[in-house]
Amino acid sequence: MHFDEFLKYAPKVLNIELPAMNAHAKMVPPNRAELLKKTDFAKITPKKAAVMMLFYPKESQTHLALILRTSYNGVHSSQIAFPGGKVEPEDIDLSHTAIRETHEEIGVHPADINLVRAFTEVYIPPSNYMVYPFLGYSESEQSFELQEDEVAGIVELSLVDFLNDKNLTTKTIKTSYSESIDVPGFYVNGHFIWGATAMMLSELKETLKMVL
């Protein structure tokens, strides 16, 4: 989709009732679904993080920015994710966290990010994080500058490919809670995207399909 067309539709997202958990459920790994059922949120205090679902033009076509996490000793090592990170004391609110982290991780200046709205939060049991996604866009093409200690690369996903149901798949993988499990996800640009990021993508995709 041409980016000028996307800009006409983006404000309409503000008036949409988000599909929320119904969209998330399509991408919840089986074991995680069981963990969520057993989680008593009245007895835990999740850490907070925020991420940015950022659209931008690339050769005039609409793209979504994802990142490849670096390899490290942790549950999210080498995974595909949205730019973002944990809330810091200086952050004014959760949207500020998402914007700040996007600037730090991939070099998009805060002044270039137009915030549209918040989406539905996702709880990640293995790391005890509640992640708050935000939809935003930049009207300018991007020359990404990576925070190399955290970001190994950029995955630029065209809106056309994102909306194509042929990219939905299931894959057998090893996770932090299972040696071998079949999980749903998105297969894009040679990468398999699953877990919390896939859940957020599912809600984003269903929401966009209501306005495009």
Protein backbone atom coordinates (compact mmCIF):
# COMPACT_ATOMS: atom_id res chain seq x y z
CA MET A 1 0.00 0.00 0.00
CA HIS A 2 1.24 3.48 -0.89
CA PHE A 3 2.08 5.39 2.27
CA ASP A 4 -0.17 8.33 1.35
CA GLU A 5 -3.09 5.90 1.33
CA PHE A 6 -2.08 4.52 4.72
CA LEU A 7 -2.07 8.04 6.17
CA LYS A 8 -5.72 8.47 5.15
CA TYR A 9 -6.74 5.37 7.07
CA ALA A 10 -4.52 5.59 10.17
CA PRO A 11 -6.72 8.11 12.09
CA LYS A 12 -9.69 5.75 11.74
CA VAL A 13 -7.99 3.32 14.12
CA LEU A 14 -8.85 5.71 16.95
CA ASN A 15 -12.54 4.90 16.56
CA ILE A 16 -12.16 1.11 16.44
CA GLU A 17 -13.01 -1.18 19.34
CA LEU A 18 -9.86 -3.26 19.62
CA PRO A 19 -10.23 -7.04 19.19
CA ALA A 20 -7.95 -7.43 22.21
CA MET A 21 -7.86 -10.91 23.74
CA ASN A 22 -9.81 -12.45 20.85
CA ALA A 23 -6.99 -11.50 18.49
CA HIS A 24 -4.27 -12.42 21.00
CA ALA A 25 -5.77 -15.88 21.50
CA LYS A 26 -5.05 -16.84 17.89
CA MET A 27 -1.31 -16.57 18.57
CA VAL A 28 -1.01 -17.78 22.17
CA PRO A 29 1.39 -20.76 22.46
CA PRO A 30 -0.41 -23.76 24.03
CA ASN A 31 1.64 -23.89 27.23
CA ARG A 32 1.41 -20.13 27.69
CA ALA A 33 -2.37 -20.34 27.56
CA GLU A 34 -2.25 -22.73 30.51
CA LEU A 35 0.17 -20.49 32.40
CA LEU A 36 -2.10 -17.48 31.89
CA LYS A 37 -5.11 -19.38 33.24
CA LYS A 38 -3.16 -20.17 36.42
CA THR A 39 -1.81 -16.64 36.87
CA ASP A 40 -3.42 -14.67 39.70
CA PHE A 41 -2.66 -11.06 38.81
CA ALA A 42 -3.83 -9.96 42.24
CA LYS A 43 -0.84 -11.74 43.75
CA ILE A 44 1.94 -10.66 41.37
CA THR A 45 3.46 -7.36 40.33
CA PRO A 46 4.60 -7.59 36.71
CA LYS A 47 7.41 -5.40 35.49
CA LYS A 48 6.30 -2.90 32.85
CA ALA A 49 7.59 -2.37 29.32
CA ALA A 50 6.30 -0.58 26.24
CA VAL A 51 6.90 -1.12 22.53
CA MET A 52 6.25 0.83 19.34
CA MET A 53 4.44 -0.62 16.31
CA LEU A 54 5.93 1.88 13.89
CA PHE A 55 4.85 2.30 10.27
CA TYR A 56 6.89 4.35 7.82
CA PRO A 57 7.40 4.78 4.06
CA LYS A 58 10.05 2.84 2.18
CA GLU A 59 10.20 3.70 -1.52
CA SER A 60 6.71 5.18 -0.98
CA GLN A 61 5.28 1.85 0.25
CA THR A 62 4.06 1.31 3.83
CA HIS A 63 6.33 -0.77 6.06
CA LEU A 64 6.38 -1.87 9.70
CA ALA A 65 9.61 -1.89 11.71
CA LEU A 66 10.58 -4.99 13.69
CA ILE A 67 13.92 -5.78 15.30
CA LEU A 68 16.05 -8.87 15.70
CA ARG A 69 17.26 -9.09 19.28
CA THR A 70 20.90 -9.91 19.89
CA SER A 71 21.90 -13.32 21.23
CA TYR A 72 22.25 -13.32 25.02
CA ASN A 73 21.55 -15.49 28.05
CA GLY A 74 17.86 -14.73 28.41
CA VAL A 75 14.36 -15.85 27.40
CA HIS A 76 14.07 -13.36 24.52
CA SER A 77 17.48 -13.99 22.96
CA SER A 78 17.59 -13.72 19.14
CA GLN A 79 13.83 -13.20 18.87
CA ILE A 80 11.95 -10.87 16.54
CA ALA A 81 10.27 -8.05 18.46
CA PHE A 82 9.05 -4.49 18.27
CA PRO A 83 11.46 -1.75 19.34
CA GLY A 84 10.83 -1.03 22.99
CA GLY A 85 11.89 -1.82 26.51
CA LYS A 86 11.27 -1.46 30.21
CA VAL A 87 9.82 1.60 31.88
CA GLU A 88 12.41 3.89 33.43
CA PRO A 89 11.79 6.33 36.34
CA GLU A 90 12.20 9.37 34.06
CA ASP A 91 9.45 8.25 31.68
CA ILE A 92 6.36 10.46 31.84
CA ASP A 93 4.04 7.64 30.79
CA LEU A 94 4.04 4.36 28.88
CA SER A 95 3.90 6.03 25.46
CA HIS A 96 7.01 7.99 26.41
CA THR A 97 8.74 4.69 27.18
CA ALA A 98 7.85 3.32 23.75
CA ILE A 99 9.02 6.46 21.95
CA ARG A 100 12.24 6.75 23.98
CA GLU A 101 13.15 3.11 23.48
CA THR A 102 12.45 3.33 19.73
CA HIS A 103 14.86 6.24 19.52
CA GLU A 104 17.50 4.41 21.54
CA GLU A 105 17.20 1.06 19.77
CA ILE A 106 16.73 2.01 16.10
CA GLY A 107 17.49 5.73 15.96
CA VAL A 108 14.05 7.13 15.04
CA HIS A 109 13.85 10.62 16.55
CA PRO A 110 10.89 11.21 18.90
CA ALA A 111 9.85 14.25 16.86
CA ASP A 112 9.41 11.96 13.83
CA ILE A 113 6.95 9.64 15.61
CA ASN A 114 3.24 10.41 15.35
CA LEU A 115 1.45 8.50 18.09
CA VAL A 116 -1.92 7.06 17.10
CA ARG A 117 -3.12 5.07 20.11
CA ALA A 118 -2.39 2.39 22.69
CA PHE A 119 -3.20 -1.24 21.95
CA THR A 120 -3.99 -4.07 24.36
CA GLU A 121 -1.27 -5.07 26.81
CA VAL A 122 0.26 -8.55 26.75
CA TYR A 123 1.58 -10.44 29.77
CA ILE A 124 4.75 -12.53 29.29
CA PRO A 125 4.93 -15.24 32.01
CA PRO A 126 8.58 -16.36 31.55
CA SER A 127 9.94 -12.87 32.22
CA ASN A 128 7.02 -11.51 34.30
CA TYR A 129 6.59 -8.47 32.06
CA MET A 130 3.40 -6.67 31.13
CA VAL A 131 4.07 -5.15 27.71
CA TYR A 132 2.09 -2.17 26.45
CA PRO A 133 2.10 -1.70 22.65
CA PHE A 134 1.53 1.61 20.88
CA LEU A 135 0.74 2.30 17.25
CA GLY A 136 2.66 5.12 15.62
CA TYR A 137 3.99 6.23 12.27
CA SER A 138 6.73 8.36 10.78
CA GLU A 139 6.09 10.28 7.57
CA SER A 140 9.74 10.16 6.53
CA GLU A 141 11.89 7.32 5.20
CA GLN A 142 14.24 5.95 7.81
CA SER A 143 17.97 5.31 7.97
CA PHE A 144 17.97 3.15 11.06
CA GLU A 145 20.81 3.44 13.57
CA LEU A 146 20.94 0.30 15.68
CA GLN A 147 21.80 0.03 19.35
CA GLU A 148 24.21 -2.78 18.61
CA ASP A 149 24.39 -4.26 22.12
CA GLU A 150 20.64 -4.97 22.00
CA VAL A 151 19.63 -4.99 18.33
CA ALA A 152 21.21 -7.31 15.78
CA GLY A 153 19.17 -6.16 12.79
CA ILE A 154 16.00 -4.60 11.38
CA VAL A 155 13.17 -6.58 9.80
CA GLU A 156 11.24 -4.31 7.44
CA LEU A 157 7.79 -5.81 6.89
CA SER A 158 5.67 -4.38 4.09
CA LEU A 159 2.03 -3.77 4.96
CA VAL A 160 0.96 -5.87 1.97
CA ASP A 161 2.91 -8.89 3.23
CA PHE A 162 1.75 -8.33 6.79
CA LEU A 163 -1.92 -8.47 5.78
CA ASN A 164 -1.43 -11.61 3.67
CA ASP A 165 -2.86 -14.61 5.54
CA LYS A 166 -0.43 -16.89 3.69
CA ASN A 167 2.23 -15.72 6.17
CA LEU A 168 0.40 -17.37 9.09
CA THR A 169 1.92 -20.69 10.07
CA THR A 170 2.74 -23.13 12.88
CA LYS A 171 6.24 -24.25 13.79
CA THR A 172 7.76 -26.72 16.23
CA ILE A 173 10.26 -24.89 18.43
CA LYS A 174 12.06 -25.08 21.76
CA THR A 175 10.91 -22.56 24.36
CA SER A 176 11.75 -21.64 27.94
CA TYR A 177 9.00 -23.99 29.12
CA SER A 178 9.09 -26.83 26.58
CA GLU A 179 11.73 -28.77 24.66
CA SER A 180 9.42 -29.18 21.67
CA ILE A 181 6.09 -27.48 21.11
CA ASP A 182 3.99 -26.41 18.13
CA VAL A 183 3.31 -22.67 18.25
CA PRO A 184 1.38 -20.36 15.90
CA GLY A 185 3.10 -17.38 14.36
CA PHE A 186 3.93 -15.22 11.37
CA TYR A 187 6.58 -16.21 8.84
CA VAL A 188 7.99 -13.05 7.25
CA ASN A 189 11.23 -12.25 5.46
CA GLY A 190 12.71 -15.59 6.49
CA HIS A 191 11.89 -15.09 10.16
CA PHE A 192 9.37 -16.89 12.39
CA ILE A 193 7.62 -14.49 14.76
CA TRP A 194 5.81 -16.03 17.72
CA GLY A 195 4.83 -15.41 21.32
CA ALA A 196 4.00 -11.93 22.62
CA THR A 197 5.08 -10.18 19.42
CA ALA A 198 2.84 -12.43 17.33
CA MET A 199 -0.05 -11.73 19.71
CA MET A 200 0.42 -7.99 19.26
CA LEU A 201 0.75 -8.41 15.50
CA SER A 202 -2.50 -10.37 15.46
CA GLU A 203 -4.41 -7.55 17.14
CA LEU A 204 -2.76 -4.96 14.89
CA LYS A 205 -3.60 -6.95 11.77
CA GLU A 206 -7.25 -7.47 12.70
CA THR A 207 -7.63 -3.80 13.60
CA LEU A 208 -6.13 -2.57 10.33
CA LYS A 209 -8.35 -4.89 8.34
CA MET A 210 -11.35 -3.14 9.86
CA VAL A 211 -10.30 0.26 8.50
CA LEU A 212 -8.37 -0.45 5.29
